[in-house]
Amino acid sequence: MTTKNSYFRSTLLPLVIIPVGGLVTLGLCYLLYLFIYNFVEIQFFPTDPTSVPAATIRRVYTLALLVLYWALLRTKIPDLLKATILIGPLAMFITTAILSFYEKPVAAMAAVVIIVAVCIFLLYRYKQPWLYYYAVAVTVLTAIALAWPKV
């Protein structure tokens, strides 16, 4: 019975926890971005909400998330939690890249491919477990579904 329990905890449970927890993390990241965006709009652009520099706010916010995630990687929390949390910052980064090239789908796809290639290279280079690769796959599918230009 321990073998089944070990297989469940090491393989099956992460297959559920990473996408579900990652979507919660991504939702929290989007909510925080929305809060920051609305705060900037109310405080600095109350009479002209269309003047809010959304792209700049999104880029700075995404950079901050990536720096915070990099710091999180240096902690001793379990890999499952780190892989789950990865989905939020990485999806925001991919979304920002897609939105930066919104009118140029080929450039957007190239940016996504480059981001994913760098992620995979870094995961391989630092010998990270399969959980991170799975989190990257979930992230790419989610970010593309959310941000890709609708035709």
N, C-alpha and C. Protein backbone atom coordinates (compact mmCIF):
# COMPACT_ATOMS: atom_id res chain seq x y z
N MET A 1 0.81 -1.19 0.00
CA MET A 1 0.00 0.00 0.00
C MET A 1 0.86 1.26 0.00
N THR A 2 2.04 1.19 0.54
CA THR A 2 2.91 2.36 0.54
C THR A 2 3.36 2.74 -0.86
N THR A 3 3.52 1.76 -1.75
CA THR A 3 3.91 2.08 -3.11
C THR A 3 2.82 2.86 -3.82
N LYS A 4 1.57 2.45 -3.65
CA LYS A 4 0.46 3.18 -4.25
C LYS A 4 0.36 4.58 -3.67
N ASN A 5 0.52 4.68 -2.36
CA ASN A 5 0.45 5.98 -1.70
C ASN A 5 1.59 6.88 -2.15
N SER A 6 2.78 6.31 -2.31
CA SER A 6 3.93 7.08 -2.78
C SER A 6 3.72 7.55 -4.21
N TYR A 7 3.19 6.67 -5.07
CA TYR A 7 2.91 7.03 -6.46
C TYR A 7 1.86 8.14 -6.52
N PHE A 8 0.85 8.03 -5.70
CA PHE A 8 -0.20 9.04 -5.65
C PHE A 8 0.36 10.39 -5.23
N ARG A 9 1.17 10.41 -4.18
CA ARG A 9 1.73 11.67 -3.67
C ARG A 9 2.80 12.26 -4.58
N SER A 10 3.58 11.42 -5.24
CA SER A 10 4.68 11.95 -6.04
C SER A 10 4.29 12.23 -7.50
N THR A 11 3.23 11.61 -8.00
CA THR A 11 2.88 11.79 -9.41
C THR A 11 1.46 12.30 -9.62
N LEU A 12 0.49 11.59 -9.11
CA LEU A 12 -0.89 11.95 -9.40
C LEU A 12 -1.33 13.24 -8.72
N LEU A 13 -0.97 13.42 -7.48
CA LEU A 13 -1.37 14.63 -6.76
C LEU A 13 -0.80 15.90 -7.40
N PRO A 14 0.48 15.93 -7.78
CA PRO A 14 0.99 17.12 -8.47
C PRO A 14 0.30 17.40 -9.80
N LEU A 15 -0.16 16.36 -10.50
CA LEU A 15 -0.85 16.57 -11.76
C LEU A 15 -2.16 17.34 -11.58
N VAL A 16 -2.71 17.30 -10.38
CA VAL A 16 -3.93 18.05 -10.08
C VAL A 16 -3.60 19.37 -9.38
N ILE A 17 -2.69 19.32 -8.44
CA ILE A 17 -2.38 20.51 -7.64
C ILE A 17 -1.78 21.63 -8.49
N ILE A 18 -0.89 21.30 -9.39
CA ILE A 18 -0.21 22.34 -10.17
C ILE A 18 -1.19 23.13 -11.04
N PRO A 19 -2.05 22.52 -11.84
CA PRO A 19 -2.96 23.36 -12.63
C PRO A 19 -3.99 24.10 -11.78
N VAL A 20 -4.56 23.43 -10.78
CA VAL A 20 -5.58 24.09 -9.96
C VAL A 20 -4.96 25.21 -9.13
N GLY A 21 -3.88 24.89 -8.44
CA GLY A 21 -3.20 25.92 -7.65
C GLY A 21 -2.61 27.01 -8.51
N GLY A 22 -2.13 26.63 -9.68
CA GLY A 22 -1.57 27.62 -10.61
C GLY A 22 -2.61 28.58 -11.12
N LEU A 23 -3.80 28.07 -11.40
CA LEU A 23 -4.88 28.96 -11.84
C LEU A 23 -5.30 29.91 -10.72
N VAL A 24 -5.27 29.43 -9.49
CA VAL A 24 -5.56 30.32 -8.35
C VAL A 24 -4.47 31.38 -8.25
N THR A 25 -3.22 30.97 -8.39
CA THR A 25 -2.11 31.91 -8.35
C THR A 25 -2.23 32.94 -9.48
N LEU A 26 -2.54 32.47 -10.66
CA LEU A 26 -2.71 33.37 -11.79
C LEU A 26 -3.86 34.34 -11.55
N GLY A 27 -4.96 33.84 -11.02
CA GLY A 27 -6.08 34.70 -10.69
C GLY A 27 -5.70 35.78 -9.69
N LEU A 28 -4.92 35.40 -8.69
CA LEU A 28 -4.46 36.38 -7.71
C LEU A 28 -3.53 37.42 -8.34
N CYS A 29 -2.69 36.97 -9.25
CA CYS A 29 -1.80 37.90 -9.95
C CYS A 29 -2.61 38.90 -10.79
N TYR A 30 -3.62 38.41 -11.49
CA TYR A 30 -4.47 39.29 -12.28
C TYR A 30 -5.26 40.26 -11.40
N LEU A 31 -5.75 39.77 -10.27
CA LEU A 31 -6.49 40.65 -9.36
C LEU A 31 -5.59 41.74 -8.79
N LEU A 32 -4.37 41.39 -8.44
CA LEU A 32 -3.44 42.40 -7.94
C LEU A 32 -3.12 43.43 -9.02
N TYR A 33 -2.94 42.96 -10.25
CA TYR A 33 -2.71 43.89 -11.36
C TYR A 33 -3.91 44.81 -11.54
N LEU A 34 -5.10 44.26 -11.48
CA LEU A 34 -6.31 45.07 -11.61
C LEU A 34 -6.40 46.11 -10.49
N PHE A 35 -6.05 45.70 -9.28
CA PHE A 35 -6.05 46.63 -8.15
C PHE A 35 -5.06 47.77 -8.40
N ILE A 36 -3.85 47.44 -8.83
CA ILE A 36 -2.84 48.47 -9.09
C ILE A 36 -3.29 49.38 -10.22
N TYR A 37 -3.81 48.80 -11.29
CA TYR A 37 -4.29 49.58 -12.43
C TYR A 37 -5.40 50.55 -12.00
N ASN A 38 -6.38 50.04 -11.25
CA ASN A 38 -7.47 50.90 -10.78
C ASN A 38 -6.98 51.97 -9.82
N PHE A 39 -6.03 51.64 -8.98
CA PHE A 39 -5.47 52.63 -8.06
C PHE A 39 -4.80 53.77 -8.84
N VAL A 40 -3.99 53.41 -9.83
CA VAL A 40 -3.32 54.43 -10.65
C VAL A 40 -4.35 55.26 -11.39
N GLU A 41 -5.37 54.62 -11.93
CA GLU A 41 -6.40 55.34 -12.66
C GLU A 41 -7.13 56.33 -11.75
N ILE A 42 -7.51 55.90 -10.57
CA ILE A 42 -8.26 56.76 -9.66
C ILE A 42 -7.39 57.90 -9.12
N GLN A 43 -6.14 57.59 -8.79
CA GLN A 43 -5.27 58.60 -8.18
C GLN A 43 -4.70 59.60 -9.17
N PHE A 44 -4.34 59.15 -10.35
CA PHE A 44 -3.60 60.01 -11.27
C PHE A 44 -4.36 60.39 -12.55
N PHE A 45 -5.39 59.64 -12.91
CA PHE A 45 -6.12 59.90 -14.15
C PHE A 45 -7.63 59.87 -13.93
N PRO A 46 -8.13 60.58 -12.92
CA PRO A 46 -9.56 60.48 -12.62
C PRO A 46 -10.46 61.07 -13.72
N THR A 47 -9.95 62.04 -14.45
CA THR A 47 -10.79 62.68 -15.48
C THR A 47 -10.58 62.07 -16.86
N ASP A 48 -9.49 61.34 -17.07
CA ASP A 48 -9.22 60.75 -18.38
C ASP A 48 -8.68 59.33 -18.22
N PRO A 49 -9.57 58.37 -17.95
CA PRO A 49 -9.11 56.99 -17.70
C PRO A 49 -8.41 56.35 -18.89
N THR A 50 -8.61 56.87 -20.09
CA THR A 50 -7.94 56.28 -21.25
C THR A 50 -6.46 56.64 -21.32
N SER A 51 -6.03 57.56 -20.48
CA SER A 51 -4.61 57.96 -20.46
C SER A 51 -3.75 57.10 -19.55
N VAL A 52 -4.35 56.15 -18.86
CA VAL A 52 -3.58 55.29 -17.96
C VAL A 52 -2.56 54.50 -18.78
N PRO A 53 -1.29 54.52 -18.40
CA PRO A 53 -0.26 53.77 -19.14
C PRO A 53 -0.30 52.27 -18.80
N ALA A 54 -1.30 51.60 -19.32
CA ALA A 54 -1.53 50.19 -18.99
C ALA A 54 -0.32 49.31 -19.33
N ALA A 55 0.26 49.54 -20.49
CA ALA A 55 1.40 48.70 -20.91
C ALA A 55 2.58 48.87 -19.95
N THR A 56 2.84 50.09 -19.54
CA THR A 56 3.95 50.34 -18.61
C THR A 56 3.68 49.70 -17.26
N ILE A 57 2.46 49.87 -16.77
CA ILE A 57 2.10 49.26 -15.48
C ILE A 57 2.24 47.75 -15.56
N ARG A 58 1.75 47.16 -16.65
CA ARG A 58 1.82 45.70 -16.82
C ARG A 58 3.26 45.22 -16.87
N ARG A 59 4.12 45.95 -17.57
CA ARG A 59 5.53 45.53 -17.69
C ARG A 59 6.26 45.63 -16.35
N VAL A 60 6.06 46.72 -15.64
CA VAL A 60 6.72 46.90 -14.33
C VAL A 60 6.20 45.85 -13.34
N TYR A 61 4.91 45.64 -13.36
CA TYR A 61 4.30 44.65 -12.47
C TYR A 61 4.84 43.25 -12.77
N THR A 62 4.93 42.91 -14.04
CA THR A 62 5.45 41.60 -14.43
C THR A 62 6.90 41.44 -14.01
N LEU A 63 7.70 42.47 -14.21
CA LEU A 63 9.09 42.42 -13.78
C LEU A 63 9.19 42.22 -12.27
N ALA A 64 8.35 42.93 -11.52
CA ALA A 64 8.34 42.77 -10.06
C ALA A 64 7.97 41.34 -9.67
N LEU A 65 6.97 40.77 -10.35
CA LEU A 65 6.59 39.38 -10.07
C LEU A 65 7.73 38.41 -10.35
N LEU A 66 8.43 38.62 -11.45
CA LEU A 66 9.55 37.73 -11.79
C LEU A 66 10.68 37.84 -10.77
N VAL A 67 10.96 39.03 -10.30
CA VAL A 67 12.00 39.22 -9.28
C VAL A 67 11.58 38.54 -7.97
N LEU A 68 10.31 38.71 -7.59
CA LEU A 68 9.82 38.05 -6.38
C LEU A 68 9.87 36.54 -6.52
N TYR A 69 9.52 36.02 -7.70
CA TYR A 69 9.59 34.58 -7.90
C TYR A 69 11.03 34.08 -7.85
N TRP A 70 11.94 34.85 -8.42
CA TRP A 70 13.36 34.47 -8.36
C TRP A 70 13.82 34.37 -6.91
N ALA A 71 13.37 35.32 -6.07
CA ALA A 71 13.71 35.26 -4.64
C ALA A 71 13.07 34.04 -3.99
N LEU A 72 11.85 33.71 -4.39
CA LEU A 72 11.16 32.55 -3.85
C LEU A 72 11.91 31.26 -4.18
N LEU A 73 12.52 31.20 -5.35
CA LEU A 73 13.28 30.01 -5.74
C LEU A 73 14.45 29.73 -4.81
N ARG A 74 14.94 30.75 -4.16
CA ARG A 74 16.09 30.61 -3.26
C ARG A 74 15.69 30.07 -1.88
N THR A 75 14.40 29.95 -1.62
CA THR A 75 13.94 29.47 -0.32
C THR A 75 13.91 27.95 -0.30
N LYS A 76 13.59 27.41 0.86
CA LYS A 76 13.57 25.96 1.03
C LYS A 76 12.15 25.39 1.02
N ILE A 77 11.20 26.12 0.44
CA ILE A 77 9.84 25.58 0.37
C ILE A 77 9.82 24.44 -0.65
N PRO A 78 8.84 23.55 -0.55
CA PRO A 78 8.81 22.38 -1.45
C PRO A 78 8.69 22.76 -2.93
N ASP A 79 9.27 21.91 -3.76
CA ASP A 79 9.24 22.13 -5.21
C ASP A 79 7.82 22.18 -5.76
N LEU A 80 6.92 21.40 -5.19
CA LEU A 80 5.54 21.41 -5.66
C LEU A 80 4.93 22.80 -5.50
N LEU A 81 5.18 23.45 -4.39
CA LEU A 81 4.65 24.79 -4.16
C LEU A 81 5.33 25.81 -5.08
N LYS A 82 6.63 25.67 -5.25
CA LYS A 82 7.35 26.58 -6.17
C LYS A 82 6.86 26.44 -7.60
N ALA A 83 6.64 25.21 -8.04
CA ALA A 83 6.16 24.97 -9.40
C ALA A 83 4.74 25.51 -9.57
N THR A 84 3.93 25.38 -8.55
CA THR A 84 2.57 25.88 -8.61
C THR A 84 2.56 27.40 -8.68
N ILE A 85 3.37 28.04 -7.88
CA ILE A 85 3.43 29.50 -7.86
C ILE A 85 4.05 30.04 -9.15
N LEU A 86 4.91 29.26 -9.80
CA LEU A 86 5.54 29.68 -11.06
C LEU A 86 4.51 30.08 -12.11
N ILE A 87 3.37 29.46 -12.10
CA ILE A 87 2.36 29.71 -13.13
C ILE A 87 1.93 31.17 -13.16
N GLY A 88 1.75 31.79 -12.01
CA GLY A 88 1.31 33.19 -11.98
C GLY A 88 2.28 34.15 -12.64
N PRO A 89 3.52 34.26 -12.15
CA PRO A 89 4.47 35.20 -12.76
C PRO A 89 4.80 34.87 -14.21
N LEU A 90 4.96 33.59 -14.52
CA LEU A 90 5.30 33.22 -15.90
C LEU A 90 4.15 33.52 -16.85
N ALA A 91 2.93 33.26 -16.43
CA ALA A 91 1.78 33.57 -17.29
C ALA A 91 1.64 35.08 -17.49
N MET A 92 1.90 35.85 -16.46
CA MET A 92 1.87 37.31 -16.62
C MET A 92 2.96 37.75 -17.60
N PHE A 93 4.13 37.13 -17.55
CA PHE A 93 5.22 37.46 -18.46
C PHE A 93 4.84 37.12 -19.90
N ILE A 94 4.28 35.94 -20.10
CA ILE A 94 3.88 35.53 -21.45
C ILE A 94 2.74 36.41 -21.95
N THR A 95 1.79 36.71 -21.08
CA THR A 95 0.68 37.59 -21.45
C THR A 95 1.20 38.97 -21.85
N THR A 96 2.13 39.50 -21.09
CA THR A 96 2.72 40.80 -21.40
C THR A 96 3.42 40.76 -22.76
N ALA A 97 4.13 39.67 -23.03
CA ALA A 97 4.80 39.54 -24.33
C ALA A 97 3.77 39.49 -25.46
N ILE A 98 2.72 38.71 -25.28
CA ILE A 98 1.70 38.60 -26.32
C ILE A 98 1.03 39.96 -26.55
N LEU A 99 0.67 40.63 -25.48
CA LEU A 99 0.01 41.93 -25.61
C LEU A 99 0.93 42.99 -26.19
N SER A 100 2.23 42.86 -25.98
CA SER A 100 3.17 43.81 -26.56
C SER A 100 3.22 43.70 -28.08
N PHE A 101 2.96 42.50 -28.58
CA PHE A 101 2.96 42.26 -30.03
C PHE A 101 1.57 41.88 -30.52
N TYR A 102 0.55 42.49 -29.93
CA TYR A 102 -0.83 42.11 -30.19
C TYR A 102 -1.21 42.17 -31.66
N GLU A 103 -0.69 43.15 -32.37
CA GLU A 103 -1.05 43.31 -33.78
C GLU A 103 -0.10 42.56 -34.71
N LYS A 104 0.88 41.88 -34.14
CA LYS A 104 1.83 41.10 -34.93
C LYS A 104 1.89 39.68 -34.37
N PRO A 105 0.94 38.83 -34.75
CA PRO A 105 0.87 37.48 -34.17
C PRO A 105 2.14 36.64 -34.35
N VAL A 106 2.85 36.83 -35.46
CA VAL A 106 4.08 36.06 -35.67
C VAL A 106 5.14 36.46 -34.64
N ALA A 107 5.24 37.77 -34.39
CA ALA A 107 6.20 38.25 -33.39
C ALA A 107 5.77 37.79 -31.99
N ALA A 108 4.47 37.78 -31.72
CA ALA A 108 3.98 37.32 -30.43
C ALA A 108 4.32 35.85 -30.22
N MET A 109 4.12 35.04 -31.26
CA MET A 109 4.44 33.62 -31.16
C MET A 109 5.94 33.42 -30.98
N ALA A 110 6.74 34.21 -31.69
CA ALA A 110 8.20 34.12 -31.53
C ALA A 110 8.61 34.46 -30.10
N ALA A 111 7.99 35.49 -29.54
CA ALA A 111 8.30 35.88 -28.16
C ALA A 111 7.95 34.75 -27.19
N VAL A 112 6.79 34.13 -27.39
CA VAL A 112 6.38 33.03 -26.52
C VAL A 112 7.36 31.86 -26.66
N VAL A 113 7.74 31.54 -27.87
CA VAL A 113 8.69 30.42 -28.09
C VAL A 113 10.03 30.72 -27.42
N ILE A 114 10.50 31.94 -27.52
CA ILE A 114 11.78 32.32 -26.89
C ILE A 114 11.66 32.22 -25.37
N ILE A 115 10.58 32.73 -24.81
CA ILE A 115 10.38 32.66 -23.36
C ILE A 115 10.36 31.21 -22.88
N VAL A 116 9.61 30.37 -23.58
CA VAL A 116 9.51 28.96 -23.20
C VAL A 116 10.87 28.27 -23.36
N ALA A 117 11.57 28.56 -24.44
CA ALA A 117 12.89 27.94 -24.65
C ALA A 117 13.86 28.33 -23.53
N VAL A 118 13.86 29.58 -23.14
CA VAL A 118 14.74 30.02 -22.05
C VAL A 118 14.34 29.33 -20.74
N CYS A 119 13.04 29.22 -20.49
CA CYS A 119 12.58 28.53 -19.28
C CYS A 119 13.03 27.08 -19.26
N ILE A 120 12.81 26.39 -20.37
CA ILE A 120 13.19 24.98 -20.44
C ILE A 120 14.70 24.82 -20.29
N PHE A 121 15.46 25.70 -20.94
CA PHE A 121 16.91 25.65 -20.81
C PHE A 121 17.34 25.82 -19.35
N LEU A 122 16.76 26.82 -18.67
CA LEU A 122 17.13 27.07 -17.27
C LEU A 122 16.71 25.92 -16.36
N LEU A 123 15.54 25.36 -16.61
CA LEU A 123 15.11 24.21 -15.81
C LEU A 123 16.05 23.02 -16.01
N TYR A 124 16.44 22.79 -17.25
CA TYR A 124 17.36 21.70 -17.54
C TYR A 124 18.74 21.97 -16.95
N ARG A 125 19.19 23.20 -17.12
CA ARG A 125 20.52 23.60 -16.62
C ARG A 125 20.66 23.43 -15.12
N TYR A 126 19.57 23.78 -14.39
CA TYR A 126 19.61 23.69 -12.93
C TYR A 126 18.99 22.40 -12.41
N LYS A 127 18.75 21.45 -13.31
CA LYS A 127 18.30 20.10 -12.97
C LYS A 127 17.05 20.11 -12.06
N GLN A 128 16.05 20.84 -12.50
CA GLN A 128 14.80 20.91 -11.74
C GLN A 128 13.94 19.69 -12.04
N PRO A 129 13.10 19.28 -11.09
CA PRO A 129 12.24 18.11 -11.31
C PRO A 129 11.15 18.38 -12.34
N TRP A 130 10.48 17.33 -12.76
CA TRP A 130 9.46 17.38 -13.80
C TRP A 130 8.32 18.32 -13.47
N LEU A 131 8.11 18.60 -12.20
CA LEU A 131 7.01 19.47 -11.78
C LEU A 131 7.08 20.84 -12.47
N TYR A 132 8.28 21.36 -12.61
CA TYR A 132 8.46 22.68 -13.21
C TYR A 132 8.15 22.66 -14.71
N TYR A 133 8.55 21.60 -15.38
CA TYR A 133 8.25 21.48 -16.81
C TYR A 133 6.74 21.41 -17.03
N TYR A 134 6.08 20.66 -16.18
CA TYR A 134 4.62 20.56 -16.24
C TYR A 134 3.97 21.92 -15.98
N ALA A 135 4.51 22.66 -15.02
CA ALA A 135 3.99 24.00 -14.71
C ALA A 135 4.18 24.93 -15.91
N VAL A 136 5.31 24.84 -16.58
CA VAL A 136 5.55 25.67 -17.77
C VAL A 136 4.54 25.32 -18.86
N ALA A 137 4.28 24.03 -19.07
CA ALA A 137 3.31 23.63 -20.09
C ALA A 137 1.92 24.16 -19.76
N VAL A 138 1.50 24.03 -18.51
CA VAL A 138 0.20 24.55 -18.10
C VAL A 138 0.15 26.05 -18.28
N THR A 139 1.24 26.72 -17.94
CA THR A 139 1.31 28.18 -18.06
C THR A 139 1.16 28.63 -19.50
N VAL A 140 1.88 28.00 -20.40
CA VAL A 140 1.84 28.40 -21.81
C VAL A 140 0.43 28.23 -22.37
N LEU A 141 -0.18 27.11 -22.10
CA LEU A 141 -1.55 26.88 -22.59
C LEU A 141 -2.52 27.91 -22.01
N THR A 142 -2.41 28.19 -20.74
CA THR A 142 -3.31 29.16 -20.09
C THR A 142 -3.08 30.56 -20.62
N ALA A 143 -1.83 30.99 -20.69
CA ALA A 143 -1.53 32.35 -21.13
C ALA A 143 -1.95 32.58 -22.57
N ILE A 144 -1.70 31.61 -23.42
CA ILE A 144 -2.12 31.76 -24.82
C ILE A 144 -3.64 31.81 -24.92
N ALA A 145 -4.32 30.99 -24.16
CA ALA A 145 -5.79 31.00 -24.18
C ALA A 145 -6.34 32.34 -23.70
N LEU A 146 -5.68 32.94 -22.73
CA LEU A 146 -6.16 34.21 -22.18
C LEU A 146 -5.78 35.42 -23.02
N ALA A 147 -4.61 35.43 -23.59
CA ALA A 147 -4.09 36.67 -24.19
C ALA A 147 -4.04 36.68 -25.71
N TRP A 148 -4.16 35.54 -26.35
CA TRP A 148 -3.99 35.51 -27.80
C TRP A 148 -5.06 36.33 -28.49
N PRO A 149 -4.66 37.09 -29.52
CA PRO A 149 -5.65 37.91 -30.24
C PRO A 149 -6.80 37.08 -30.80
N LYS A 150 -7.99 37.58 -30.57
CA LYS A 150 -9.18 36.90 -31.10
C LYS A 150 -9.42 37.40 -32.51
N VAL A 151 -9.61 36.50 -33.43
CA VAL A 151 -9.78 36.88 -34.84
C VAL A 151 -11.24 37.07 -35.15
